[in-house]
Amino acid sequence: MAVLAIQLPRYWPSINGMGMVFVVMLSITTSVGVILGVLTHQRNWCNYCPIGTLGNWLGRGSIP
């Protein structure tokens, strides 16, 4: 979130520039997630992702 808060104002007038910030952020996080998944546990990224963390909290004790 900090990177987005820093980068978006730099490209504010340009819709293409702001879109590129999101593309770069999604590309980096996807790459990190794939690398972590290959090197460690396949769902390792879920420990850091807010949606994965929330799903983990809500799904405790349930059968997958």
PDB file of N, CA and C in Angstrom:
ATOM      1  N   MET A   1       0.823  -1.188   0.000  1.00  0.00           N
ATOM      2  CA  MET A   1       0.000   0.000   0.000  1.00  0.00           C
ATOM      3  C   MET A   1       0.867   1.252   0.000  1.00  0.00           C
ATOM      4  N   ALA A   2       1.994   1.185   0.688  1.00  0.00           N
ATOM      5  CA  ALA A   2       2.875   2.351   0.729  1.00  0.00           C
ATOM      6  C   ALA A   2       3.430   2.659  -0.653  1.00  0.00           C
ATOM      7  N   VAL A   3       3.780   1.637  -1.394  1.00  0.00           N
ATOM      8  CA  VAL A   3       4.304   1.852  -2.741  1.00  0.00           C
ATOM      9  C   VAL A   3       3.235   2.502  -3.624  1.00  0.00           C
ATOM     10  N   LEU A   4       2.003   2.031  -3.515  1.00  0.00           N
ATOM     11  CA  LEU A   4       0.925   2.648  -4.288  1.00  0.00           C
ATOM     12  C   LEU A   4       0.720   4.100  -3.879  1.00  0.00           C
ATOM     13  N   ALA A   5       0.746   4.365  -2.576  1.00  0.00           N
ATOM     14  CA  ALA A   5       0.547   5.734  -2.093  1.00  0.00           C
ATOM     15  C   ALA A   5       1.663   6.670  -2.559  1.00  0.00           C
ATOM     16  N   ILE A   6       2.838   6.137  -2.763  1.00  0.00           N
ATOM     17  CA  ILE A   6       3.965   6.959  -3.235  1.00  0.00           C
ATOM     18  C   ILE A   6       3.939   7.115  -4.745  1.00  0.00           C
ATOM     19  N   GLN A   7       3.633   6.034  -5.457  1.00  0.00           N
ATOM     20  CA  GLN A   7       3.720   6.046  -6.912  1.00  0.00           C
ATOM     21  C   GLN A   7       2.534   6.719  -7.601  1.00  0.00           C
ATOM     22  N   LEU A   8       1.324   6.524  -7.102  1.00  0.00           N
ATOM     23  CA  LEU A   8       0.152   7.065  -7.789  1.00  0.00           C
ATOM     24  C   LEU A   8       0.176   8.590  -7.925  1.00  0.00           C
ATOM     25  N   PRO A   9       0.543   9.348  -6.892  1.00  0.00           N
ATOM     26  CA  PRO A   9       0.589  10.808  -7.087  1.00  0.00           C
ATOM     27  C   PRO A   9       1.600  11.262  -8.142  1.00  0.00           C
ATOM     28  N   ARG A  10       2.647  10.484  -8.350  1.00  0.00           N
ATOM     29  CA  ARG A  10       3.641  10.846  -9.361  1.00  0.00           C
ATOM     30  C   ARG A  10       3.054  10.804 -10.760  1.00  0.00           C
ATOM     31  N   TYR A  11       2.080   9.905 -10.985  1.00  0.00           N
ATOM     32  CA  TYR A  11       1.499   9.725 -12.311  1.00  0.00           C
ATOM     33  C   TYR A  11       0.059  10.207 -12.383  1.00  0.00           C
ATOM     34  N   TRP A  12      -0.371  11.023 -11.433  1.00  0.00           N
ATOM     35  CA  TRP A  12      -1.772  11.383 -11.274  1.00  0.00           C
ATOM     36  C   TRP A  12      -2.469  11.865 -12.539  1.00  0.00           C
ATOM     37  N   PRO A  13      -1.947  12.793 -13.305  1.00  0.00           N
ATOM     38  CA  PRO A  13      -2.743  13.248 -14.452  1.00  0.00           C
ATOM     39  C   PRO A  13      -2.864  12.204 -15.568  1.00  0.00           C
ATOM     40  N   SER A  14      -1.951  11.282 -15.633  1.00  0.00           N
ATOM     41  CA  SER A  14      -1.927  10.317 -16.737  1.00  0.00           C
ATOM     42  C   SER A  14      -2.615   9.012 -16.332  1.00  0.00           C
ATOM     43  N   ILE A  15      -3.713   8.696 -16.993  1.00  0.00           N
ATOM     44  CA  ILE A  15      -4.415   7.445 -16.703  1.00  0.00           C
ATOM     45  C   ILE A  15      -3.556   6.247 -17.097  1.00  0.00           C
ATOM     46  N   ASN A  16      -2.770   6.381 -18.149  1.00  0.00           N
ATOM     47  CA  ASN A  16      -1.868   5.298 -18.563  1.00  0.00           C
ATOM     48  C   ASN A  16      -0.760   5.083 -17.533  1.00  0.00           C
ATOM     49  N   GLY A  17      -0.244   6.168 -16.977  1.00  0.00           N
ATOM     50  CA  GLY A  17       0.789   6.062 -15.949  1.00  0.00           C
ATOM     51  C   GLY A  17       0.269   5.394 -14.692  1.00  0.00           C
ATOM     52  N   MET A  18      -0.938   5.783 -14.283  1.00  0.00           N
ATOM     53  CA  MET A  18      -1.521   5.176 -13.084  1.00  0.00           C
ATOM     54  C   MET A  18      -1.822   3.700 -13.327  1.00  0.00           C
ATOM     55  N   GLY A  19      -2.283   3.364 -14.519  1.00  0.00           N
ATOM     56  CA  GLY A  19      -2.532   1.970 -14.848  1.00  0.00           C
ATOM     57  C   GLY A  19      -1.258   1.149 -14.831  1.00  0.00           C
ATOM     58  N   MET A  20      -0.168   1.753 -15.296  1.00  0.00           N
ATOM     59  CA  MET A  20       1.118   1.051 -15.306  1.00  0.00           C
ATOM     60  C   MET A  20       1.599   0.763 -13.886  1.00  0.00           C
ATOM     61  N   VAL A  21       1.306   1.655 -12.938  1.00  0.00           N
ATOM     62  CA  VAL A  21       1.665   1.401 -11.538  1.00  0.00           C
ATOM     63  C   VAL A  21       0.983   0.130 -11.058  1.00  0.00           C
ATOM     64  N   PHE A  22      -0.299  -0.034 -11.369  1.00  0.00           N
ATOM     65  CA  PHE A  22      -1.024  -1.238 -10.955  1.00  0.00           C
ATOM     66  C   PHE A  22      -0.496  -2.475 -11.673  1.00  0.00           C
ATOM     67  N   VAL A  23      -0.170  -2.353 -12.944  1.00  0.00           N
ATOM     68  CA  VAL A  23       0.368  -3.492 -13.699  1.00  0.00           C
ATOM     69  C   VAL A  23       1.694  -3.943 -13.103  1.00  0.00           C
ATOM     70  N   VAL A  24       2.561  -2.993 -12.779  1.00  0.00           N
ATOM     71  CA  VAL A  24       3.861  -3.336 -12.200  1.00  0.00           C
ATOM     72  C   VAL A  24       3.680  -3.981 -10.830  1.00  0.00           C
ATOM     73  N   MET A  25       2.794  -3.417  -9.995  1.00  0.00           N
ATOM     74  CA  MET A  25       2.570  -3.976  -8.662  1.00  0.00           C
ATOM     75  C   MET A  25       2.012  -5.399  -8.754  1.00  0.00           C
ATOM     76  N   LEU A  26       1.042  -5.623  -9.633  1.00  0.00           N
ATOM     77  CA  LEU A  26       0.472  -6.964  -9.775  1.00  0.00           C
ATOM     78  C   LEU A  26       1.495  -7.948 -10.333  1.00  0.00           C
ATOM     79  N   SER A  27       2.330  -7.493 -11.252  1.00  0.00           N
ATOM     80  CA  SER A  27       3.360  -8.369 -11.815  1.00  0.00           C
ATOM     81  C   SER A  27       4.375  -8.774 -10.755  1.00  0.00           C
ATOM     82  N   ILE A  28       4.791  -7.814  -9.937  1.00  0.00           N
ATOM     83  CA  ILE A  28       5.782  -8.111  -8.892  1.00  0.00           C
ATOM     84  C   ILE A  28       5.196  -9.054  -7.856  1.00  0.00           C
ATOM     85  N   THR A  29       3.984  -8.779  -7.376  1.00  0.00           N
ATOM     86  CA  THR A  29       3.409  -9.641  -6.347  1.00  0.00           C
ATOM     87  C   THR A  29       3.107 -11.039  -6.887  1.00  0.00           C
ATOM     88  N   THR A  30       2.694 -11.137  -8.140  1.00  0.00           N
ATOM     89  CA  THR A  30       2.458 -12.456  -8.728  1.00  0.00           C
ATOM     90  C   THR A  30       3.764 -13.224  -8.857  1.00  0.00           C
ATOM     91  N   SER A  31       4.821 -12.544  -9.290  1.00  0.00           N
ATOM     92  CA  SER A  31       6.126 -13.200  -9.417  1.00  0.00           C
ATOM     93  C   SER A  31       6.634 -13.692  -8.071  1.00  0.00           C
ATOM     94  N   VAL A  32       6.512 -12.861  -7.051  1.00  0.00           N
ATOM     95  CA  VAL A  32       6.948 -13.259  -5.709  1.00  0.00           C
ATOM     96  C   VAL A  32       6.124 -14.447  -5.222  1.00  0.00           C
ATOM     97  N   GLY A  33       4.823 -14.414  -5.460  1.00  0.00           N
ATOM     98  CA  GLY A  33       3.962 -15.522  -5.046  1.00  0.00           C
ATOM     99  C   GLY A  33       4.317 -16.824  -5.733  1.00  0.00           C
ATOM    100  N   VAL A  34       4.607 -16.768  -7.032  1.00  0.00           N
ATOM    101  CA  VAL A  34       4.975 -17.979  -7.765  1.00  0.00           C
ATOM    102  C   VAL A  34       6.315 -18.518  -7.280  1.00  0.00           C
ATOM    103  N   ILE A  35       7.271 -17.622  -7.074  1.00  0.00           N
ATOM    104  CA  ILE A  35       8.596 -18.057  -6.591  1.00  0.00           C
ATOM    105  C   ILE A  35       8.478 -18.686  -5.211  1.00  0.00           C
ATOM    106  N   LEU A  36       7.721 -18.042  -4.300  1.00  0.00           N
ATOM    107  CA  LEU A  36       7.534 -18.624  -2.968  1.00  0.00           C
ATOM    108  C   LEU A  36       6.821 -19.972  -3.059  1.00  0.00           C
ATOM    109  N   GLY A  37       5.862 -20.085  -3.961  1.00  0.00           N
ATOM    110  CA  GLY A  37       5.134 -21.332  -4.113  1.00  0.00           C
ATOM    111  C   GLY A  37       5.998 -22.459  -4.627  1.00  0.00           C
ATOM    112  N   VAL A  38       6.918 -22.144  -5.520  1.00  0.00           N
ATOM    113  CA  VAL A  38       7.796 -23.178  -6.074  1.00  0.00           C
ATOM    114  C   VAL A  38       8.870 -23.577  -5.063  1.00  0.00           C
ATOM    115  N   LEU A  39       9.433 -22.591  -4.376  1.00  0.00           N
ATOM    116  CA  LEU A  39      10.544 -22.872  -3.464  1.00  0.00           C
ATOM    117  C   LEU A  39      10.099 -23.426  -2.116  1.00  0.00           C
ATOM    118  N   THR A  40       8.941 -23.044  -1.653  1.00  0.00           N
ATOM    119  CA  THR A  40       8.479 -23.491  -0.331  1.00  0.00           C
ATOM    120  C   THR A  40       7.143 -24.191  -0.484  1.00  0.00           C
ATOM    121  N   HIS A  41       6.189 -23.839   0.287  1.00  0.00           N
ATOM    122  CA  HIS A  41       4.852 -24.430   0.245  1.00  0.00           C
ATOM    123  C   HIS A  41       4.035 -23.771  -0.850  1.00  0.00           C
ATOM    124  N   GLN A  42       3.203 -24.531  -1.548  1.00  0.00           N
ATOM    125  CA  GLN A  42       2.487 -23.984  -2.701  1.00  0.00           C
ATOM    126  C   GLN A  42       1.498 -22.889  -2.325  1.00  0.00           C
ATOM    127  N   ARG A  43       1.014 -22.843  -1.111  1.00  0.00           N
ATOM    128  CA  ARG A  43       0.090 -21.786  -0.697  1.00  0.00           C
ATOM    129  C   ARG A  43       0.744 -20.841   0.302  1.00  0.00           C
ATOM    130  N   ASN A  44       2.033 -20.668   0.206  1.00  0.00           N
ATOM    131  CA  ASN A  44       2.773 -19.813   1.124  1.00  0.00           C
ATOM    132  C   ASN A  44       2.330 -18.358   1.026  1.00  0.00           C
ATOM    133  N   TRP A  45       1.969 -17.905  -0.177  1.00  0.00           N
ATOM    134  CA  TRP A  45       1.574 -16.510  -0.360  1.00  0.00           C
ATOM    135  C   TRP A  45       0.316 -16.189   0.444  1.00  0.00           C
ATOM    136  N   CYS A  46      -0.518 -17.169   0.714  1.00  0.00           N
ATOM    137  CA  CYS A  46      -1.755 -16.955   1.473  1.00  0.00           C
ATOM    138  C   CYS A  46      -1.465 -16.505   2.902  1.00  0.00           C
ATOM    139  N   ASN A  47      -0.250 -16.729   3.387  1.00  0.00           N
ATOM    140  CA  ASN A  47       0.120 -16.241   4.711  1.00  0.00           C
ATOM    141  C   ASN A  47       0.312 -14.735   4.724  1.00  0.00           C
ATOM    142  N   TYR A  48       0.585 -14.129   3.588  1.00  0.00           N
ATOM    143  CA  TYR A  48       0.868 -12.699   3.509  1.00  0.00           C
ATOM    144  C   TYR A  48      -0.276 -11.904   2.886  1.00  0.00           C
ATOM    145  N   CYS A  49      -1.043 -12.552   2.028  1.00  0.00           N
ATOM    146  CA  CYS A  49      -2.139 -11.894   1.342  1.00  0.00           C
ATOM    147  C   CYS A  49      -3.286 -11.640   2.319  1.00  0.00           C
ATOM    148  N   PRO A  50      -3.863 -10.445   2.333  1.00  0.00           N
ATOM    149  CA  PRO A  50      -4.963 -10.172   3.272  1.00  0.00           C
ATOM    150  C   PRO A  50      -6.170 -11.081   3.066  1.00  0.00           C
ATOM    151  N   ILE A  51      -6.510 -11.408   1.835  1.00  0.00           N
ATOM    152  CA  ILE A  51      -7.649 -12.279   1.576  1.00  0.00           C
ATOM    153  C   ILE A  51      -7.352 -13.702   2.048  1.00  0.00           C
ATOM    154  N   GLY A  52      -6.137 -14.172   1.820  1.00  0.00           N
ATOM    155  CA  GLY A  52      -5.749 -15.497   2.287  1.00  0.00           C
ATOM    156  C   GLY A  52      -5.747 -15.585   3.804  1.00  0.00           C
ATOM    157  N   THR A  53      -5.293 -14.533   4.462  1.00  0.00           N
ATOM    158  CA  THR A  53      -5.285 -14.500   5.919  1.00  0.00           C
ATOM    159  C   THR A  53      -6.706 -14.523   6.457  1.00  0.00           C
ATOM    160  N   LEU A  54      -7.591 -13.732   5.877  1.00  0.00           N
ATOM    161  CA  LEU A  54      -8.986 -13.704   6.300  1.00  0.00           C
ATOM    162  C   LEU A  54      -9.647 -15.067   6.078  1.00  0.00           C
ATOM    163  N   GLY A  55      -9.381 -15.676   4.931  1.00  0.00           N
ATOM    164  CA  GLY A  55      -9.919 -17.004   4.663  1.00  0.00           C
ATOM    165  C   GLY A  55      -9.415 -18.036   5.647  1.00  0.00           C
ATOM    166  N   ASN A  56      -8.161 -17.917   6.043  1.00  0.00           N
ATOM    167  CA  ASN A  56      -7.588 -18.831   7.020  1.00  0.00           C
ATOM    168  C   ASN A  56      -8.279 -18.670   8.366  1.00  0.00           C
ATOM    169  N   TRP A  57      -8.500 -17.436   8.767  1.00  0.00           N
ATOM    170  CA  TRP A  57      -9.170 -17.185  10.056  1.00  0.00           C
ATOM    171  C   TRP A  57     -10.599 -17.708  10.040  1.00  0.00           C
ATOM    172  N   LEU A  58     -11.321 -17.477   8.972  1.00  0.00           N
ATOM    173  CA  LEU A  58     -12.722 -17.887   8.910  1.00  0.00           C
ATOM    174  C   LEU A  58     -12.885 -19.386   8.700  1.00  0.00           C
ATOM    175  N   GLY A  59     -11.885 -20.030   8.098  1.00  0.00           N
ATOM    176  CA  GLY A  59     -12.005 -21.433   7.752  1.00  0.00           C
ATOM    177  C   GLY A  59     -11.404 -22.389   8.767  1.00  0.00           C
ATOM    178  N   ARG A  60     -10.962 -21.889   9.904  1.00  0.00           N
ATOM    179  CA  ARG A  60     -10.366 -22.783  10.901  1.00  0.00           C
ATOM    180  C   ARG A  60     -11.387 -23.795  11.387  1.00  0.00           C
ATOM    181  N   GLY A  61     -10.974 -25.024  11.413  1.00  0.00           N
ATOM    182  CA  GLY A  61     -11.824 -26.081  11.904  1.00  0.00           C
ATOM    183  C   GLY A  61     -12.787 -26.642  10.876  1.00  0.00           C
ATOM    184  N   SER A  62     -12.859 -26.032   9.706  1.00  0.00           N
ATOM    185  CA  SER A  62     -13.773 -26.547   8.682  1.00  0.00           C
ATOM    186  C   SER A  62     -13.035 -27.555   7.793  1.00  0.00           C
ATOM    187  N   ILE A  63     -13.794 -28.413   7.183  1.00  0.00           N
ATOM    188  CA  ILE A  63     -13.221 -29.418   6.287  1.00  0.00           C
ATOM    189  C   ILE A  63     -13.116 -28.794   4.901  1.00  0.00           C
ATOM    190  N   PRO A  64     -11.919 -28.848   4.274  1.00  0.00           N
ATOM    191  CA  PRO A  64     -11.777 -28.221   2.945  1.00  0.00           C
ATOM    192  C   PRO A  64     -12.591 -28.926   1.889  1.00  0.00           C
TER     193      PRO A  64
END
